[in-house]
Amino acid sequence: MSPKLKKITVKTIIFILSLSLAWYLLKSGILDTLVQKILPIMFLAPFLAGMFYTSFLTTPLAIAMFLILAPVMNPILLAVVAGLGAALTDAFLIRLLRDNVNKDIATLTKHFKFYLLKGLLKLLKLDFLIPLLGALIIASPLPDELGLFLLGESKLTNKQIIILTFIFNTAGILLIVTPINLLS
């Protein structure tokens, strides 16, 4: 098995285990009990769910928490508080990525020939698509790391990126919790 295929297989297995754990915690009532215990502490449960929303390992758990919280909370308030938790986690990731991993990012950029795509988009005057794609990835339940990488490539300041991640994470969470709230 090639190293690339092995890495993809391991990540897939970890993600499936994460989904299984979230499903088990949701179906067994353990997660509901836990959320009900921390719910009286104002905004802690949605804030934690937002923090979990940013990583591919913890996104299923965050969505399971949203399933529990959406029927009992105002969806806008839930999305804003969870968006703050997600933005805080993204701020930590930005700090980690920009300060410690810049050389690795440069290597990855060269390896995947990202500079060719970036140059082509710049030539076609479509280079605004890079941060837009990053923002869309952040709004989705996909891992924020790729979206943060794309936003980081756009020469935005850390403050601008954090504001964007808050807005787009809040919007993505709102798109998840509003239907749940309306159907319950």
Protein backbone atom coordinates (compact mmCIF):
# COMPACT_ATOMS: atom_id res chain seq x y z
CA MET A 1 0.00 0.00 0.00
CA SER A 2 1.40 3.40 -0.96
CA PRO A 3 2.03 5.93 1.84
CA LYS A 4 -0.55 8.32 0.35
CA LEU A 5 -3.24 5.63 0.24
CA LYS A 6 -2.32 4.51 3.74
CA LYS A 7 -2.71 8.08 5.05
CA ILE A 8 -6.11 8.48 3.36
CA THR A 9 -7.23 5.11 4.74
CA VAL A 10 -6.20 6.05 8.29
CA LYS A 11 -7.99 9.41 8.07
CA THR A 12 -11.11 7.74 6.70
CA ILE A 13 -11.11 5.16 9.50
CA ILE A 14 -10.65 7.90 12.11
CA PHE A 15 -13.51 9.90 10.62
CA ILE A 16 -15.79 6.84 10.57
CA LEU A 17 -14.90 6.16 14.21
CA SER A 18 -15.69 9.78 15.02
CA LEU A 19 -19.05 9.50 13.27
CA SER A 20 -19.76 6.23 15.09
CA LEU A 21 -18.88 7.76 18.45
CA ALA A 22 -21.12 10.78 17.80
CA TRP A 23 -23.97 8.49 16.71
CA TYR A 24 -23.54 6.29 19.79
CA LEU A 25 -23.41 9.27 22.16
CA LEU A 26 -26.50 10.73 20.53
CA LYS A 27 -28.53 7.49 20.46
CA SER A 28 -27.56 6.34 23.94
CA GLY A 29 -28.59 9.64 25.51
CA ILE A 30 -25.16 10.22 27.03
CA LEU A 31 -24.58 13.35 24.95
CA ASP A 32 -28.08 14.64 25.76
CA THR A 33 -27.44 14.15 29.48
CA LEU A 34 -24.06 15.87 29.22
CA VAL A 35 -25.48 18.81 27.27
CA GLN A 36 -28.39 19.14 29.73
CA LYS A 37 -25.89 19.27 32.61
CA ILE A 38 -23.83 22.07 31.04
CA LEU A 39 -26.85 23.89 29.53
CA PRO A 40 -27.56 25.83 32.74
CA ILE A 41 -24.09 27.36 32.47
CA MET A 42 -25.04 30.16 30.10
CA PHE A 43 -23.81 29.62 26.53
CA LEU A 44 -21.18 26.99 27.43
CA ALA A 45 -22.79 24.14 25.47
CA PRO A 46 -23.17 26.06 22.18
CA PHE A 47 -19.71 27.57 22.61
CA LEU A 48 -18.17 24.10 23.02
CA ALA A 49 -20.19 22.79 20.08
CA GLY A 50 -18.79 25.65 17.99
CA MET A 51 -15.26 24.79 19.06
CA PHE A 52 -15.86 21.19 18.00
CA TYR A 53 -17.29 22.35 14.65
CA THR A 54 -13.90 23.29 13.20
CA SER A 55 -12.05 19.97 13.04
CA PHE A 56 -12.88 16.94 10.93
CA LEU A 57 -12.49 14.69 13.97
CA THR A 58 -14.96 16.59 16.13
CA THR A 59 -17.46 17.92 13.56
CA PRO A 60 -19.80 14.91 13.95
CA LEU A 61 -19.87 15.50 17.71
CA ALA A 62 -20.61 19.20 17.15
CA ILE A 63 -23.47 18.41 14.80
CA ALA A 64 -24.85 15.92 17.32
CA MET A 65 -24.71 18.68 19.94
CA PHE A 66 -26.50 21.03 17.55
CA LEU A 67 -29.23 18.38 17.17
CA ILE A 68 -29.74 18.49 20.93
CA LEU A 69 -29.42 22.26 21.35
CA ALA A 70 -31.45 23.45 18.34
CA PRO A 71 -34.90 22.52 19.70
CA VAL A 72 -34.30 24.27 23.04
CA MET A 73 -32.45 27.43 21.94
CA ASN A 74 -33.06 30.33 19.64
CA PRO A 75 -31.28 29.32 16.41
CA ILE A 76 -29.73 32.75 15.87
CA LEU A 77 -28.36 32.92 19.40
CA LEU A 78 -27.13 29.34 19.14
CA ALA A 79 -25.38 30.08 15.83
CA VAL A 80 -23.75 33.28 17.11
CA VAL A 81 -22.42 31.69 20.32
CA ALA A 82 -21.25 28.58 18.44
CA GLY A 83 -19.72 30.85 15.78
CA LEU A 84 -17.71 32.57 18.52
CA GLY A 85 -16.44 29.19 19.72
CA ALA A 86 -15.52 28.21 16.17
CA ALA A 87 -13.81 31.57 15.55
CA LEU A 88 -11.78 31.18 18.75
CA THR A 89 -10.62 27.73 17.65
CA ASP A 90 -9.85 29.07 14.17
CA ALA A 91 -7.86 31.94 15.73
CA PHE A 92 -5.78 29.32 17.54
CA LEU A 93 -5.31 27.39 14.29
CA ILE A 94 -4.35 30.58 12.44
CA ARG A 95 -1.79 31.36 15.09
CA LEU A 96 -0.45 27.82 14.88
CA LEU A 97 -0.44 27.74 11.07
CA ARG A 98 1.04 31.17 10.48
CA ASP A 99 3.64 31.11 13.24
CA ASN A 100 4.83 27.50 13.26
CA VAL A 101 3.97 25.89 9.95
CA ASN A 102 4.82 28.54 7.33
CA LYS A 103 7.67 26.44 5.93
CA ASP A 104 5.43 23.36 5.70
CA ILE A 105 2.77 25.39 3.91
CA ALA A 106 5.35 26.68 1.44
CA THR A 107 6.45 23.08 0.81
CA LEU A 108 2.85 21.92 0.34
CA THR A 109 2.15 24.85 -1.97
CA LYS A 110 5.12 23.86 -4.14
CA HIS A 111 4.29 20.15 -3.99
CA PHE A 112 0.70 20.61 -5.10
CA LYS A 113 1.67 23.37 -7.55
CA PHE A 114 -0.81 25.70 -5.89
CA TYR A 115 1.21 28.63 -7.19
CA LEU A 116 0.21 27.67 -10.77
CA LEU A 117 -3.48 27.83 -9.90
CA LYS A 118 -2.95 31.06 -8.00
CA GLY A 119 -1.03 32.57 -10.95
CA LEU A 120 -3.70 31.48 -13.44
CA LEU A 121 -6.48 32.97 -11.32
CA LYS A 122 -4.48 36.19 -10.96
CA LEU A 123 -3.94 36.35 -14.72
CA LEU A 124 -7.65 35.87 -15.34
CA LYS A 125 -8.47 38.45 -12.64
CA LEU A 126 -10.24 35.73 -10.64
CA ASP A 127 -7.85 35.60 -7.68
CA PHE A 128 -10.74 36.66 -5.41
CA LEU A 129 -11.99 33.07 -5.75
CA ILE A 130 -9.27 31.73 -3.44
CA PRO A 131 -10.50 33.48 -0.26
CA LEU A 132 -14.11 32.94 -1.35
CA LEU A 133 -13.51 29.19 -1.65
CA GLY A 134 -11.77 29.26 1.75
CA ALA A 135 -14.75 31.08 3.28
CA LEU A 136 -17.18 28.55 1.79
CA ILE A 137 -15.16 25.68 3.21
CA ILE A 138 -15.24 27.35 6.63
CA ALA A 139 -19.02 27.77 6.43
CA SER A 140 -19.47 24.09 5.62
CA PRO A 141 -19.00 21.23 8.09
CA LEU A 142 -15.77 20.38 6.24
CA PRO A 143 -12.54 20.83 8.24
CA ASP A 144 -11.60 24.50 8.61
CA GLU A 145 -7.89 23.87 8.15
CA LEU A 146 -8.13 23.88 4.33
CA GLY A 147 -10.31 26.99 4.36
CA LEU A 148 -7.86 28.74 6.70
CA PHE A 149 -5.00 27.78 4.39
CA LEU A 150 -6.82 29.33 1.42
CA LEU A 151 -7.66 32.47 3.41
CA GLY A 152 -4.06 32.65 4.58
CA GLU A 153 -2.90 32.62 0.97
CA SER A 154 -5.03 35.70 0.26
CA LYS A 155 -2.86 38.15 2.23
CA LEU A 156 -5.65 38.95 4.68
CA THR A 157 -4.59 39.95 8.18
CA ASN A 158 -5.25 37.59 11.10
CA LYS A 159 -7.95 39.94 12.38
CA GLN A 160 -9.73 39.95 9.00
CA ILE A 161 -9.54 36.15 8.78
CA ILE A 162 -10.96 35.73 12.29
CA ILE A 163 -13.86 38.07 11.47
CA LEU A 164 -14.54 36.14 8.26
CA THR A 165 -14.37 32.79 10.05
CA PHE A 166 -16.84 34.05 12.64
CA ILE A 167 -19.27 35.24 9.96
CA PHE A 168 -19.03 32.12 7.82
CA ASN A 169 -19.02 29.62 10.69
CA THR A 170 -22.06 31.38 12.17
CA ALA A 171 -23.83 31.24 8.79
CA GLY A 172 -22.96 27.55 8.34
CA ILE A 173 -24.15 26.67 11.83
CA LEU A 174 -27.33 28.68 11.31
CA LEU A 175 -28.02 26.66 8.16
CA ILE A 176 -27.74 23.49 10.25
CA VAL A 177 -29.73 24.51 13.32
CA THR A 178 -32.59 26.48 11.74
CA PRO A 179 -34.25 23.50 10.02
CA ILE A 180 -33.81 21.41 13.17
CA ASN A 181 -35.43 24.15 15.22
CA LEU A 182 -38.29 24.57 12.77
CA LEU A 183 -38.98 20.82 12.58
CA SER A 184 -39.01 20.26 16.32
